[in-house]
Amino acid sequence: DNYKEDDSPKDVLTSEDLNRLSADLDEKINRLILGI
């Protein structure tokens, strides 16, 4: 009830950001597994 939008951190990741980071991490893991 006391939370204000202005109090939220400005560097919050969106779900789109998290999906992109997850895809990047998946690619890196695959490259590591393949040794490339």
Full PDB file with SEQRES, HELIX, SHEET, SSBOND, CRYST1, ORIGX, SCALE, CONECT and MASTER records, all heavy atoms in Angstrom:
SEQRES   1 A   36  ASP ASN TYR LYS GLU ASP ASP SER PRO LYS ASP VAL LEU          
SEQRES   2 A   36  THR SER GLU ASP LEU ASN ARG LEU SER ALA ASP LEU ASP          
SEQRES   3 A   36  GLU LYS ILE ASN ARG LEU ILE LEU GLY ILE                      
HELIX    1 AA1 GLU A    5  ASP A    7  5                                   3    
HELIX    2 AA2 SER A   15  LEU A   34  1                                  20    
CRYST1    1.000    1.000    1.000  90.00  90.00  90.00 P 1           1          
ORIGX1      1.000000  0.000000  0.000000        0.00000                         
ORIGX2      0.000000  1.000000  0.000000        0.00000                         
ORIGX3      0.000000  0.000000  1.000000        0.00000                         
SCALE1      1.000000  0.000000  0.000000        0.00000                         
SCALE2      0.000000  1.000000  0.000000        0.00000                         
SCALE3      0.000000  0.000000  1.000000        0.00000                         
ATOM      1  N   ASP A   1       0.820  -1.215   0.000  1.00  0.00           N  
ATOM      2  CA  ASP A   1       0.000   0.000   0.000  1.00  0.00           C  
ATOM      3  C   ASP A   1       0.853   1.263   0.000  1.00  0.00           C  
ATOM      4  O   ASP A   1       0.474   2.283  -0.569  1.00  0.00           O  
ATOM      5  CB  ASP A   1      -0.936   0.020   1.217  1.00  0.00           C  
ATOM      6  CG  ASP A   1      -2.051  -1.004   1.105  1.00  0.00           C  
ATOM      7  OD1 ASP A   1      -2.278  -1.530  -0.007  1.00  0.00           O  
ATOM      8  OD2 ASP A   1      -2.681  -1.293   2.145  1.00  0.00           O  
ATOM      9  N   ASN A   2       2.016   1.204   0.634  1.00  0.00           N  
ATOM     10  CA  ASN A   2       2.889   2.374   0.730  1.00  0.00           C  
ATOM     11  C   ASN A   2       3.907   2.460  -0.406  1.00  0.00           C  
ATOM     12  O   ASN A   2       4.640   3.435  -0.498  1.00  0.00           O  
ATOM     13  CB  ASN A   2       3.633   2.379   2.066  1.00  0.00           C  
ATOM     14  CG  ASN A   2       2.694   2.578   3.228  1.00  0.00           C  
ATOM     15  OD1 ASN A   2       1.684   3.261   3.118  1.00  0.00           O  
ATOM     16  ND2 ASN A   2       3.009   1.961   4.347  1.00  0.00           N  
ATOM     17  N   TYR A   3       3.961   1.445  -1.239  1.00  0.00           N  
ATOM     18  CA  TYR A   3       4.918   1.404  -2.333  1.00  0.00           C  
ATOM     19  C   TYR A   3       4.532   2.429  -3.394  1.00  0.00           C  
ATOM     20  O   TYR A   3       3.389   2.534  -3.803  1.00  0.00           O  
ATOM     21  CB  TYR A   3       4.942   0.007  -2.950  1.00  0.00           C  
ATOM     22  CG  TYR A   3       5.928  -0.146  -4.071  1.00  0.00           C  
ATOM     23  CD1 TYR A   3       7.275  -0.343  -3.817  1.00  0.00           C  
ATOM     24  CD2 TYR A   3       5.509  -0.100  -5.393  1.00  0.00           C  
ATOM     25  CE1 TYR A   3       8.184  -0.485  -4.847  1.00  0.00           C  
ATOM     26  CE2 TYR A   3       6.405  -0.243  -6.432  1.00  0.00           C  
ATOM     27  CZ  TYR A   3       7.735  -0.429  -6.151  1.00  0.00           C  
ATOM     28  OH  TYR A   3       8.627  -0.568  -7.182  1.00  0.00           O  
ATOM     29  N   LYS A   4       5.510   3.158  -3.842  1.00  0.00           N  
ATOM     30  CA  LYS A   4       5.291   4.147  -4.901  1.00  0.00           C  
ATOM     31  C   LYS A   4       6.162   3.764  -6.086  1.00  0.00           C  
ATOM     32  O   LYS A   4       7.278   3.294  -5.923  1.00  0.00           O  
ATOM     33  CB  LYS A   4       5.675   5.545  -4.412  1.00  0.00           C  
ATOM     34  CG  LYS A   4       4.814   6.063  -3.295  1.00  0.00           C  
ATOM     35  CD  LYS A   4       5.235   7.477  -2.929  1.00  0.00           C  
ATOM     36  CE  LYS A   4       4.402   8.020  -1.812  1.00  0.00           C  
ATOM     37  NZ  LYS A   4       4.866   7.698  -0.488  1.00  0.00           N  
ATOM     38  N   GLU A   5       5.650   3.989  -7.261  1.00  0.00           N  
ATOM     39  CA  GLU A   5       6.399   3.657  -8.465  1.00  0.00           C  
ATOM     40  C   GLU A   5       7.742   4.377  -8.489  1.00  0.00           C  
ATOM     41  O   GLU A   5       8.746   3.853  -8.954  1.00  0.00           O  
ATOM     42  CB  GLU A   5       5.580   4.024  -9.711  1.00  0.00           C  
ATOM     43  CG  GLU A   5       6.162   3.506 -11.004  1.00  0.00           C  
ATOM     44  CD  GLU A   5       6.123   1.991 -11.102  1.00  0.00           C  
ATOM     45  OE1 GLU A   5       5.192   1.375 -10.563  1.00  0.00           O  
ATOM     46  OE2 GLU A   5       7.043   1.428 -11.717  1.00  0.00           O  
ATOM     47  N   ASP A   6       7.790   5.596  -7.948  1.00  0.00           N  
ATOM     48  CA  ASP A   6       9.037   6.366  -7.931  1.00  0.00           C  
ATOM     49  C   ASP A   6      10.094   5.728  -7.042  1.00  0.00           C  
ATOM     50  O   ASP A   6      11.278   6.009  -7.194  1.00  0.00           O  
ATOM     51  CB  ASP A   6       8.775   7.799  -7.444  1.00  0.00           C  
ATOM     52  CG  ASP A   6       7.888   8.566  -8.408  1.00  0.00           C  
ATOM     53  OD1 ASP A   6       7.796   8.165  -9.574  1.00  0.00           O  
ATOM     54  OD2 ASP A   6       7.283   9.563  -7.983  1.00  0.00           O  
ATOM     55  N   ASP A   7       9.674   4.887  -6.103  1.00  0.00           N  
ATOM     56  CA  ASP A   7      10.623   4.238  -5.198  1.00  0.00           C  
ATOM     57  C   ASP A   7      11.296   3.027  -5.826  1.00  0.00           C  
ATOM     58  O   ASP A   7      12.242   2.497  -5.276  1.00  0.00           O  
ATOM     59  CB  ASP A   7       9.910   3.774  -3.917  1.00  0.00           C  
ATOM     60  CG  ASP A   7       9.398   4.946  -3.097  1.00  0.00           C  
ATOM     61  OD1 ASP A   7       9.916   6.070  -3.271  1.00  0.00           O  
ATOM     62  OD2 ASP A   7       8.476   4.744  -2.286  1.00  0.00           O  
ATOM     63  N   SER A   8      10.794   2.590  -6.961  1.00  0.00           N  
ATOM     64  CA  SER A   8      11.336   1.381  -7.565  1.00  0.00           C  
ATOM     65  C   SER A   8      12.724   1.661  -8.134  1.00  0.00           C  
ATOM     66  O   SER A   8      13.010   2.753  -8.597  1.00  0.00           O  
ATOM     67  CB  SER A   8      10.408   0.869  -8.657  1.00  0.00           C  
ATOM     68  OG  SER A   8      10.335   1.801  -9.709  1.00  0.00           O  
ATOM     69  N   PRO A   9      13.581   0.655  -8.107  1.00  0.00           N  
ATOM     70  CA  PRO A   9      14.925   0.841  -8.670  1.00  0.00           C  
ATOM     71  C   PRO A   9      14.842   1.145 -10.157  1.00  0.00           C  
ATOM     72  O   PRO A   9      13.966   0.643 -10.855  1.00  0.00           O  
ATOM     73  CB  PRO A   9      15.594  -0.515  -8.438  1.00  0.00           C  
ATOM     74  CG  PRO A   9      14.746  -1.235  -7.465  1.00  0.00           C  
ATOM     75  CD  PRO A   9      13.374  -0.648  -7.553  1.00  0.00           C  
ATOM     76  N   LYS A  10      15.734   1.970 -10.620  1.00  0.00           N  
ATOM     77  CA  LYS A  10      15.716   2.374 -12.028  1.00  0.00           C  
ATOM     78  C   LYS A  10      16.379   1.338 -12.927  1.00  0.00           C  
ATOM     79  O   LYS A  10      16.231   1.388 -14.134  1.00  0.00           O  
ATOM     80  CB  LYS A  10      16.430   3.731 -12.198  1.00  0.00           C  
ATOM     81  CG  LYS A  10      15.808   4.835 -11.379  1.00  0.00           C  
ATOM     82  CD  LYS A  10      14.346   5.019 -11.703  1.00  0.00           C  
ATOM     83  CE  LYS A  10      13.752   6.122 -10.851  1.00  0.00           C  
ATOM     84  NZ  LYS A  10      12.364   5.951 -10.567  1.00  0.00           N  
ATOM     85  N   ASP A  11      17.126   0.402 -12.346  1.00  0.00           N  
ATOM     86  CA  ASP A  11      17.831  -0.580 -13.159  1.00  0.00           C  
ATOM     87  C   ASP A  11      17.161  -1.955 -13.095  1.00  0.00           C  
ATOM     88  O   ASP A  11      17.809  -2.977 -13.139  1.00  0.00           O  
ATOM     89  CB  ASP A  11      19.293  -0.672 -12.737  1.00  0.00           C  
ATOM     90  CG  ASP A  11      19.447  -1.037 -11.269  1.00  0.00           C  
ATOM     91  OD1 ASP A  11      18.446  -1.011 -10.540  1.00  0.00           O  
ATOM     92  OD2 ASP A  11      20.569  -1.354 -10.868  1.00  0.00           O  
ATOM     93  N   VAL A  12      15.858  -1.975 -13.028  1.00  0.00           N  
ATOM     94  CA  VAL A  12      15.110  -3.221 -12.984  1.00  0.00           C  
ATOM     95  C   VAL A  12      15.117  -3.857 -14.370  1.00  0.00           C  
ATOM     96  O   VAL A  12      14.929  -3.181 -15.374  1.00  0.00           O  
ATOM     97  CB  VAL A  12      13.655  -2.957 -12.527  1.00  0.00           C  
ATOM     98  CG1 VAL A  12      12.819  -4.214 -12.633  1.00  0.00           C  
ATOM     99  CG2 VAL A  12      13.631  -2.411 -11.122  1.00  0.00           C  
ATOM    100  N   LEU A  13      15.342  -5.156 -14.402  1.00  0.00           N  
ATOM    101  CA  LEU A  13      15.334  -5.864 -15.670  1.00  0.00           C  
ATOM    102  C   LEU A  13      13.907  -6.249 -16.035  1.00  0.00           C  
ATOM    103  O   LEU A  13      13.135  -6.675 -15.188  1.00  0.00           O  
ATOM    104  CB  LEU A  13      16.175  -7.143 -15.565  1.00  0.00           C  
ATOM    105  CG  LEU A  13      17.666  -6.950 -15.358  1.00  0.00           C  
ATOM    106  CD1 LEU A  13      18.337  -8.288 -15.115  1.00  0.00           C  
ATOM    107  CD2 LEU A  13      18.284  -6.265 -16.552  1.00  0.00           C  
ATOM    108  N   THR A  14      13.591  -6.114 -17.288  1.00  0.00           N  
ATOM    109  CA  THR A  14      12.281  -6.534 -17.765  1.00  0.00           C  
ATOM    110  C   THR A  14      12.349  -8.014 -18.132  1.00  0.00           C  
ATOM    111  O   THR A  14      13.433  -8.597 -18.242  1.00  0.00           O  
ATOM    112  CB  THR A  14      11.859  -5.722 -19.001  1.00  0.00           C  
ATOM    113  OG1 THR A  14      12.774  -6.025 -20.061  1.00  0.00           O  
ATOM    114  CG2 THR A  14      11.855  -4.232 -18.711  1.00  0.00           C  
ATOM    115  N   SER A  15      11.197  -8.616 -18.351  1.00  0.00           N  
ATOM    116  CA  SER A  15      11.193 -10.030 -18.749  1.00  0.00           C  
ATOM    117  C   SER A  15      11.882 -10.189 -20.102  1.00  0.00           C  
ATOM    118  O   SER A  15      12.533 -11.205 -20.357  1.00  0.00           O  
ATOM    119  CB  SER A  15       9.770 -10.574 -18.789  1.00  0.00           C  
ATOM    120  OG  SER A  15       9.003  -9.889 -19.732  1.00  0.00           O  
ATOM    121  N   GLU A  16      11.767  -9.180 -20.950  1.00  0.00           N  
ATOM    122  CA  GLU A  16      12.459  -9.220 -22.249  1.00  0.00           C  
ATOM    123  C   GLU A  16      13.976  -9.240 -22.040  1.00  0.00           C  
ATOM    124  O   GLU A  16      14.698  -9.996 -22.699  1.00  0.00           O  
ATOM    125  CB  GLU A  16      12.053  -8.014 -23.090  1.00  0.00           C  
ATOM    126  CG  GLU A  16      12.601  -8.033 -24.500  1.00  0.00           C  
ATOM    127  CD  GLU A  16      12.095  -6.853 -25.313  1.00  0.00           C  
ATOM    128  OE1 GLU A  16      10.862  -6.693 -25.411  1.00  0.00           O  
ATOM    129  OE2 GLU A  16      12.951  -6.105 -25.834  1.00  0.00           O  
ATOM    130  N   ASP A  17      14.468  -8.414 -21.107  1.00  0.00           N  
ATOM    131  CA  ASP A  17      15.900  -8.394 -20.793  1.00  0.00           C  
ATOM    132  C   ASP A  17      16.345  -9.761 -20.267  1.00  0.00           C  
ATOM    133  O   ASP A  17      17.395 -10.278 -20.656  1.00  0.00           O  
ATOM    134  CB  ASP A  17      16.216  -7.331 -19.738  1.00  0.00           C  
ATOM    135  CG  ASP A  17      15.996  -5.916 -20.232  1.00  0.00           C  
ATOM    136  OD1 ASP A  17      16.100  -5.685 -21.450  1.00  0.00           O  
ATOM    137  OD2 ASP A  17      15.702  -5.043 -19.388  1.00  0.00           O  
ATOM    138  N   LEU A  18      15.539 -10.330 -19.374  1.00  0.00           N  
ATOM    139  CA  LEU A  18      15.881 -11.634 -18.799  1.00  0.00           C  
ATOM    140  C   LEU A  18      15.879 -12.727 -19.864  1.00  0.00           C  
ATOM    141  O   LEU A  18      16.760 -13.597 -19.853  1.00  0.00           O  
ATOM    142  CB  LEU A  18      14.910 -11.988 -17.673  1.00  0.00           C  
ATOM    143  CG  LEU A  18      15.019 -11.125 -16.426  1.00  0.00           C  
ATOM    144  CD1 LEU A  18      13.912 -11.486 -15.439  1.00  0.00           C  
ATOM    145  CD2 LEU A  18      16.382 -11.261 -15.769  1.00  0.00           C  
ATOM    146  N   ASN A  19      14.921 -12.674 -20.778  1.00  0.00           N  
ATOM    147  CA  ASN A  19      14.888 -13.660 -21.863  1.00  0.00           C  
ATOM    148  C   ASN A  19      16.126 -13.543 -22.747  1.00  0.00           C  
ATOM    149  O   ASN A  19      16.709 -14.549 -23.150  1.00  0.00           O  
ATOM    150  CB  ASN A  19      13.619 -13.500 -22.707  1.00  0.00           C  
ATOM    151  CG  ASN A  19      12.386 -13.970 -21.986  1.00  0.00           C  
ATOM    152  OD1 ASN A  19      12.457 -14.778 -21.073  1.00  0.00           O  
ATOM    153  ND2 ASN A  19      11.239 -13.450 -22.379  1.00  0.00           N  
ATOM    154  N   ARG A  20      16.539 -12.300 -23.043  1.00  0.00           N  
ATOM    155  CA  ARG A  20      17.731 -12.079 -23.867  1.00  0.00           C  
ATOM    156  C   ARG A  20      18.979 -12.583 -23.144  1.00  0.00           C  
ATOM    157  O   ARG A  20      19.821 -13.269 -23.727  1.00  0.00           O  
ATOM    158  CB  ARG A  20      17.873 -10.599 -24.209  1.00  0.00           C  
ATOM    159  CG  ARG A  20      19.009 -10.293 -25.176  1.00  0.00           C  
ATOM    160  CD  ARG A  20      19.061  -8.836 -25.609  1.00  0.00           C  
ATOM    161  NE  ARG A  20      18.535  -7.858 -24.681  1.00  0.00           N  
ATOM    162  CZ  ARG A  20      19.189  -7.384 -23.601  1.00  0.00           C  
ATOM    163  NH1 ARG A  20      20.387  -7.821 -23.318  1.00  0.00           N  
ATOM    164  NH2 ARG A  20      18.639  -6.481 -22.823  1.00  0.00           N  
ATOM    165  N   LEU A  21      19.086 -12.267 -21.852  1.00  0.00           N  
ATOM    166  CA  LEU A  21      20.239 -12.723 -21.079  1.00  0.00           C  
ATOM    167  C   LEU A  21      20.273 -14.244 -20.991  1.00  0.00           C  
ATOM    168  O   LEU A  21      21.342 -14.858 -21.070  1.00  0.00           O  
ATOM    169  CB  LEU A  21      20.203 -12.108 -19.678  1.00  0.00           C  
ATOM    170  CG  LEU A  21      20.496 -10.612 -19.601  1.00  0.00           C  
ATOM    171  CD1 LEU A  21      20.229 -10.097 -18.191  1.00  0.00           C  
ATOM    172  CD2 LEU A  21      21.925 -10.325 -20.015  1.00  0.00           C  
ATOM    173  N   SER A  22      19.101 -14.845 -20.828  1.00  0.00           N  
ATOM    174  CA  SER A  22      19.016 -16.299 -20.770  1.00  0.00           C  
ATOM    175  C   SER A  22      19.467 -16.918 -22.087  1.00  0.00           C  
ATOM    176  O   SER A  22      20.217 -17.898 -22.102  1.00  0.00           O  
ATOM    177  CB  SER A  22      17.582 -16.715 -20.450  1.00  0.00           C  
ATOM    178  OG  SER A  22      17.460 -18.101 -20.471  1.00  0.00           O  
ATOM    179  N   ALA A  23      19.038 -16.344 -23.206  1.00  0.00           N  
ATOM    180  CA  ALA A  23      19.445 -16.851 -24.520  1.00  0.00           C  
ATOM    181  C   ALA A  23      20.951 -16.703 -24.707  1.00  0.00           C  
ATOM    182  O   ALA A  23      21.613 -17.624 -25.208  1.00  0.00           O  
ATOM    183  CB  ALA A  23      18.690 -16.115 -25.616  1.00  0.00           C  
ATOM    184  N   ASP A  24      21.503 -15.556 -24.287  1.00  0.00           N  
ATOM    185  CA  ASP A  24      22.954 -15.343 -24.381  1.00  0.00           C  
ATOM    186  C   ASP A  24      23.710 -16.374 -23.551  1.00  0.00           C  
ATOM    187  O   ASP A  24      24.724 -16.915 -23.988  1.00  0.00           O  
ATOM    188  CB  ASP A  24      23.331 -13.932 -23.922  1.00  0.00           C  
ATOM    189  CG  ASP A  24      22.839 -12.843 -24.868  1.00  0.00           C  
ATOM    190  OD1 ASP A  24      22.423 -13.176 -25.994  1.00  0.00           O  
ATOM    191  OD2 ASP A  24      22.851 -11.666 -24.449  1.00  0.00           O  
ATOM    192  N   LEU A  25      23.202 -16.633 -22.346  1.00  0.00           N  
ATOM    193  CA  LEU A  25      23.849 -17.604 -21.469  1.00  0.00           C  
ATOM    194  C   LEU A  25      23.750 -19.007 -22.058  1.00  0.00           C  
ATOM    195  O   LEU A  25      24.720 -19.772 -22.018  1.00  0.00           O  
ATOM    196  CB  LEU A  25      23.213 -17.554 -20.077  1.00  0.00           C  
ATOM    197  CG  LEU A  25      23.857 -18.401 -19.003  1.00  0.00           C  
ATOM    198  CD1 LEU A  25      25.332 -18.058 -18.832  1.00  0.00           C  
ATOM    199  CD2 LEU A  25      23.129 -18.214 -17.685  1.00  0.00           C  
ATOM    200  N   ASP A  26      22.597 -19.350 -22.623  1.00  0.00           N  
ATOM    201  CA  ASP A  26      22.447 -20.654 -23.272  1.00  0.00           C  
ATOM    202  C   ASP A  26      23.450 -20.819 -24.400  1.00  0.00           C  
ATOM    203  O   ASP A  26      24.069 -21.877 -24.543  1.00  0.00           O  
ATOM    204  CB  ASP A  26      21.029 -20.823 -23.827  1.00  0.00           C  
ATOM    205  CG  ASP A  26      20.004 -21.101 -22.744  1.00  0.00           C  
ATOM    206  OD1 ASP A  26      20.405 -21.435 -21.615  1.00  0.00           O  
ATOM    207  OD2 ASP A  26      18.797 -20.950 -23.026  1.00  0.00           O  
ATOM    208  N   GLU A  27      23.624 -19.771 -25.199  1.00  0.00           N  
ATOM    209  CA  GLU A  27      24.589 -19.829 -26.303  1.00  0.00           C  
ATOM    210  C   GLU A  27      26.006 -20.034 -25.778  1.00  0.00           C  
ATOM    211  O   GLU A  27      26.770 -20.830 -26.318  1.00  0.00           O  
ATOM    212  CB  GLU A  27      24.525 -18.553 -27.133  1.00  0.00           C  
ATOM    213  CG  GLU A  27      23.278 -18.426 -27.976  1.00  0.00           C  
ATOM    214  CD  GLU A  27      23.216 -17.101 -28.727  1.00  0.00           C  
ATOM    215  OE1 GLU A  27      24.259 -16.456 -28.915  1.00  0.00           O  
ATOM    216  OE2 GLU A  27      22.095 -16.718 -29.118  1.00  0.00           O  
ATOM    217  N   LYS A  28      26.365 -19.305 -24.710  1.00  0.00           N  
ATOM    218  CA  LYS A  28      27.711 -19.438 -24.137  1.00  0.00           C  
ATOM    219  C   LYS A  28      27.924 -20.846 -23.584  1.00  0.00           C  
ATOM    220  O   LYS A  28      28.975 -21.446 -23.789  1.00  0.00           O  
ATOM    221  CB  LYS A  28      27.932 -18.403 -23.047  1.00  0.00           C  
ATOM    222  CG  LYS A  28      29.325 -18.494 -22.434  1.00  0.00           C  
ATOM    223  CD  LYS A  28      29.755 -17.185 -21.881  1.00  0.00           C  
ATOM    224  CE  LYS A  28      31.142 -17.258 -21.308  1.00  0.00           C  
ATOM    225  NZ  LYS A  28      32.162 -16.926 -22.276  1.00  0.00           N  
ATOM    226  N   ILE A  29      26.915 -21.375 -22.904  1.00  0.00           N  
ATOM    227  CA  ILE A  29      27.023 -22.732 -22.361  1.00  0.00           C  
ATOM    228  C   ILE A  29      27.229 -23.729 -23.499  1.00  0.00           C  
ATOM    229  O   ILE A  29      28.074 -24.622 -23.402  1.00  0.00           O  
ATOM    230  CB  ILE A  29      25.776 -23.084 -21.526  1.00  0.00           C  
ATOM    231  CG1 ILE A  29      25.784 -22.286 -20.222  1.00  0.00           C  
ATOM    232  CG2 ILE A  29      25.704 -24.577 -21.239  1.00  0.00           C  
ATOM    233  CD1 ILE A  29      24.489 -22.351 -19.438  1.00  0.00           C  
ATOM    234  N   ASN A  30      26.466 -23.578 -24.570  1.00  0.00           N  
ATOM    235  CA  ASN A  30      26.621 -24.484 -25.714  1.00  0.00           C  
ATOM    236  C   ASN A  30      28.011 -24.378 -26.328  1.00  0.00           C  
ATOM    237  O   ASN A  30      28.610 -25.386 -26.695  1.00  0.00           O  
ATOM    238  CB  ASN A  30      25.543 -24.209 -26.768  1.00  0.00           C  
ATOM    239  CG  ASN A  30      24.182 -24.690 -26.332  1.00  0.00           C  
ATOM    240  OD1 ASN A  30      24.060 -25.601 -25.520  1.00  0.00           O  
ATOM    241  ND2 ASN A  30      23.146 -24.067 -26.852  1.00  0.00           N  
ATOM    242  N   ARG A  31      28.532 -23.158 -26.426  1.00  0.00           N  
ATOM    243  CA  ARG A  31      29.894 -22.986 -26.966  1.00  0.00           C  
ATOM    244  C   ARG A  31      30.920 -23.637 -26.045  1.00  0.00           C  
ATOM    245  O   ARG A  31      31.873 -24.257 -26.517  1.00  0.00           O  
ATOM    246  CB  ARG A  31      30.217 -21.507 -27.161  1.00  0.00           C  
ATOM    247  CG  ARG A  31      29.485 -20.862 -28.319  1.00  0.00           C  
ATOM    248  CD  ARG A  31      30.053 -19.495 -28.691  1.00  0.00           C  
ATOM    249  NE  ARG A  31      30.195 -18.592 -27.563  1.00  0.00           N  
ATOM    250  CZ  ARG A  31      29.273 -17.729 -27.149  1.00  0.00           C  
ATOM    251  NH1 ARG A  31      28.117 -17.640 -27.797  1.00  0.00           N  
ATOM    252  NH2 ARG A  31      29.475 -16.941 -26.121  1.00  0.00           N  
ATOM    253  N   LEU A  32      30.725 -23.502 -24.738  1.00  0.00           N  
ATOM    254  CA  LEU A  32      31.651 -24.121 -23.786  1.00  0.00           C  
ATOM    255  C   LEU A  32      31.608 -25.640 -23.898  1.00  0.00           C  
ATOM    256  O   LEU A  32      32.643 -26.312 -23.876  1.00  0.00           O  
ATOM    257  CB  LEU A  32      31.316 -23.690 -22.356  1.00  0.00           C  
ATOM    258  CG  LEU A  32      31.682 -22.268 -21.981  1.00  0.00           C  
ATOM    259  CD1 LEU A  32      31.088 -21.906 -20.641  1.00  0.00           C  
ATOM    260  CD2 LEU A  32      33.187 -22.101 -21.942  1.00  0.00           C  
ATOM    261  N   ILE A  33      30.402 -26.188 -23.989  1.00  0.00           N  
ATOM    262  CA  ILE A  33      30.250 -27.635 -24.095  1.00  0.00           C  
ATOM    263  C   ILE A  33      30.927 -28.150 -25.359  1.00  0.00           C  
ATOM    264  O   ILE A  33      31.600 -29.188 -25.343  1.00  0.00           O  
ATOM    265  CB  ILE A  33      28.755 -28.028 -24.069  1.00  0.00           C  
ATOM    266  CG1 ILE A  33      28.185 -27.770 -22.680  1.00  0.00           C  
ATOM    267  CG2 ILE A  33      28.557 -29.480 -24.476  1.00  0.00           C  
ATOM    268  CD1 ILE A  33      26.681 -27.906 -22.588  1.00  0.00           C  
ATOM    269  N   LEU A  34      30.782 -27.418 -26.444  1.00  0.00           N  
ATOM    270  CA  LEU A  34      31.378 -27.836 -27.713  1.00  0.00           C  
ATOM    271  C   LEU A  34      32.867 -27.500 -27.796  1.00  0.00           C  
ATOM    272  O   LEU A  34      33.559 -27.953 -28.693  1.00  0.00           O  
ATOM    273  CB  LEU A  34      30.644 -27.160 -28.882  1.00  0.00           C  
ATOM    274  CG  LEU A  34      29.182 -27.565 -29.053  1.00  0.00           C  
ATOM    275  CD1 LEU A  34      28.528 -26.711 -30.133  1.00  0.00           C  
ATOM    276  CD2 LEU A  34      29.079 -29.045 -29.401  1.00  0.00           C  
ATOM    277  N   GLY A  35      33.356 -26.705 -26.839  1.00  0.00           N  
ATOM    278  CA  GLY A  35      34.763 -26.334 -26.846  1.00  0.00           C  
ATOM    279  C   GLY A  35      35.108 -25.300 -27.887  1.00  0.00           C  
ATOM    280  O   GLY A  35      36.252 -25.220 -28.334  1.00  0.00           O  
ATOM    281  N   ILE A  36      34.115 -24.501 -28.304  1.00  0.00           N  
ATOM    282  CA  ILE A  36      34.386 -23.514 -29.350  1.00  0.00           C  
ATOM    283  C   ILE A  36      34.294 -22.082 -28.844  1.00  0.00           C  
ATOM    284  O   ILE A  36      34.310 -21.151 -29.635  1.00  0.00           O  
ATOM    285  CB  ILE A  36      33.443 -23.708 -30.559  1.00  0.00           C  
ATOM    286  CG1 ILE A  36      31.979 -23.619 -30.136  1.00  0.00           C  
ATOM    287  CG2 ILE A  36      33.728 -25.015 -31.264  1.00  0.00           C  
ATOM    288  CD1 ILE A  36      30.995 -23.663 -31.283  1.00  0.00           C  
TER     289      ILE A  36                                                      
MASTER        0    0    0    2    0    0    0    6  288    1    0    3          
END                                                                             
